[in-house]
Amino acid sequence: GAEPTTSEFTVLMHGPKLKTIEGIVMAADSARSFSPLEKFGQNFLEKLIGIEVPHKLLERVTFVDTPG
């Protein structure tokens, strides 16, 4: 059968505790590097989700899971 797909962009990044962040909040936070994504508009930001995880690997790399 068909594999399930997602419709969101999910950013897995390092953070002090497990936490989910809405895309619009990520883009508005000047301490993060996501503000350039505002140019893609409200619809895109509503499909963007950030997940902070306190894992050592994520101190050096950020993963982005795209739809599909």
C-alpha atoms as a PDB file:
ATOM      1  CA  GLY A   1       0.000   0.000   0.000  1.00  0.00           C
ATOM      2  CA  ALA A   2       0.866   3.655  -0.125  1.00  0.00           C
ATOM      3  CA  GLU A   3       3.207   5.057   2.489  1.00  0.00           C
ATOM      4  CA  PRO A   4       1.807   7.857   4.681  1.00  0.00           C
ATOM      5  CA  THR A   5       3.125  11.338   3.937  1.00  0.00           C
ATOM      6  CA  THR A   6       3.362  14.537   5.920  1.00  0.00           C
ATOM      7  CA  SER A   7       2.274  17.991   4.817  1.00  0.00           C
ATOM      8  CA  GLU A   8       4.545  19.897   7.208  1.00  0.00           C
ATOM      9  CA  PHE A   9       8.165  20.969   7.140  1.00  0.00           C
ATOM     10  CA  THR A  10       9.682  19.751  10.405  1.00  0.00           C
ATOM     11  CA  VAL A  11      12.937  21.190  11.725  1.00  0.00           C
ATOM     12  CA  LEU A  12      14.677  19.011  14.309  1.00  0.00           C
ATOM     13  CA  MET A  13      17.202  21.122  16.221  1.00  0.00           C
ATOM     14  CA  HIS A  14      19.070  21.334  19.498  1.00  0.00           C
ATOM     15  CA  GLY A  15      17.441  22.895  22.534  1.00  0.00           C
ATOM     16  CA  PRO A  16      17.705  22.717  26.320  1.00  0.00           C
ATOM     17  CA  LYS A  17      14.514  20.619  26.632  1.00  0.00           C
ATOM     18  CA  LEU A  18      12.021  18.824  24.406  1.00  0.00           C
ATOM     19  CA  LYS A  19       9.827  21.547  22.939  1.00  0.00           C
ATOM     20  CA  THR A  20       7.663  22.178  19.857  1.00  0.00           C
ATOM     21  CA  ILE A  21       7.741  25.616  18.217  1.00  0.00           C
ATOM     22  CA  GLU A  22       5.338  26.983  15.605  1.00  0.00           C
ATOM     23  CA  GLY A  23       6.942  28.156  12.378  1.00  0.00           C
ATOM     24  CA  ILE A  24       5.670  31.701  12.719  1.00  0.00           C
ATOM     25  CA  VAL A  25       7.328  31.916  16.155  1.00  0.00           C
ATOM     26  CA  MET A  26      10.587  30.504  14.776  1.00  0.00           C
ATOM     27  CA  ALA A  27      10.655  33.073  11.969  1.00  0.00           C
ATOM     28  CA  ALA A  28       9.886  35.978  14.314  1.00  0.00           C
ATOM     29  CA  ASP A  29      12.613  35.056  16.830  1.00  0.00           C
ATOM     30  CA  SER A  30      15.738  37.088  15.999  1.00  0.00           C
ATOM     31  CA  ALA A  31      17.869  34.675  18.058  1.00  0.00           C
ATOM     32  CA  ARG A  32      17.150  31.965  15.474  1.00  0.00           C
ATOM     33  CA  SER A  33      18.288  31.820  11.867  1.00  0.00           C
ATOM     34  CA  PHE A  34      14.837  31.248  10.382  1.00  0.00           C
ATOM     35  CA  SER A  35      13.716  34.855   9.767  1.00  0.00           C
ATOM     36  CA  PRO A  36      14.520  34.669   6.006  1.00  0.00           C
ATOM     37  CA  LEU A  37      11.713  32.097   5.721  1.00  0.00           C
ATOM     38  CA  GLU A  38       9.169  34.889   6.297  1.00  0.00           C
ATOM     39  CA  LYS A  39       9.452  35.720   2.592  1.00  0.00           C
ATOM     40  CA  PHE A  40       7.586  32.485   1.786  1.00  0.00           C
ATOM     41  CA  GLY A  41       4.477  33.827   3.516  1.00  0.00           C
ATOM     42  CA  GLN A  42       1.937  32.880   6.134  1.00  0.00           C
ATOM     43  CA  ASN A  43       0.801  29.656   4.434  1.00  0.00           C
ATOM     44  CA  PHE A  44       4.330  28.259   4.485  1.00  0.00           C
ATOM     45  CA  LEU A  45       4.991  29.309   8.083  1.00  0.00           C
ATOM     46  CA  GLU A  46       1.785  27.572   9.183  1.00  0.00           C
ATOM     47  CA  LYS A  47       3.211  24.314   7.776  1.00  0.00           C
ATOM     48  CA  LEU A  48       6.587  24.783   9.468  1.00  0.00           C
ATOM     49  CA  ILE A  49       7.179  23.126  12.833  1.00  0.00           C
ATOM     50  CA  GLY A  50      10.300  23.216  14.960  1.00  0.00           C
ATOM     51  CA  ILE A  51      11.182  20.568  17.495  1.00  0.00           C
ATOM     52  CA  GLU A  52      13.949  21.226  19.994  1.00  0.00           C
ATOM     53  CA  VAL A  53      15.643  18.153  21.459  1.00  0.00           C
ATOM     54  CA  PRO A  54      18.446  18.113  24.057  1.00  0.00           C
ATOM     55  CA  HIS A  55      20.753  15.772  22.112  1.00  0.00           C
ATOM     56  CA  LYS A  56      24.496  16.293  21.651  1.00  0.00           C
ATOM     57  CA  LEU A  57      24.377  15.478  17.904  1.00  0.00           C
ATOM     58  CA  LEU A  58      21.939  18.338  17.346  1.00  0.00           C
ATOM     59  CA  GLU A  59      24.493  20.808  18.704  1.00  0.00           C
ATOM     60  CA  ARG A  60      26.294  20.345  15.372  1.00  0.00           C
ATOM     61  CA  VAL A  61      23.541  19.574  12.869  1.00  0.00           C
ATOM     62  CA  THR A  62      19.903  20.464  12.194  1.00  0.00           C
ATOM     63  CA  PHE A  63      17.605  18.087  10.314  1.00  0.00           C
ATOM     64  CA  VAL A  64      14.743  19.225   8.068  1.00  0.00           C
ATOM     65  CA  ASP A  65      12.011  16.753   7.115  1.00  0.00           C
ATOM     66  CA  THR A  66      10.120  17.926   4.040  1.00  0.00           C
ATOM     67  CA  PRO A  67       6.624  16.909   2.891  1.00  0.00           C
ATOM     68  CA  GLY A  68       6.246  13.778   0.873  1.00  0.00           C
END
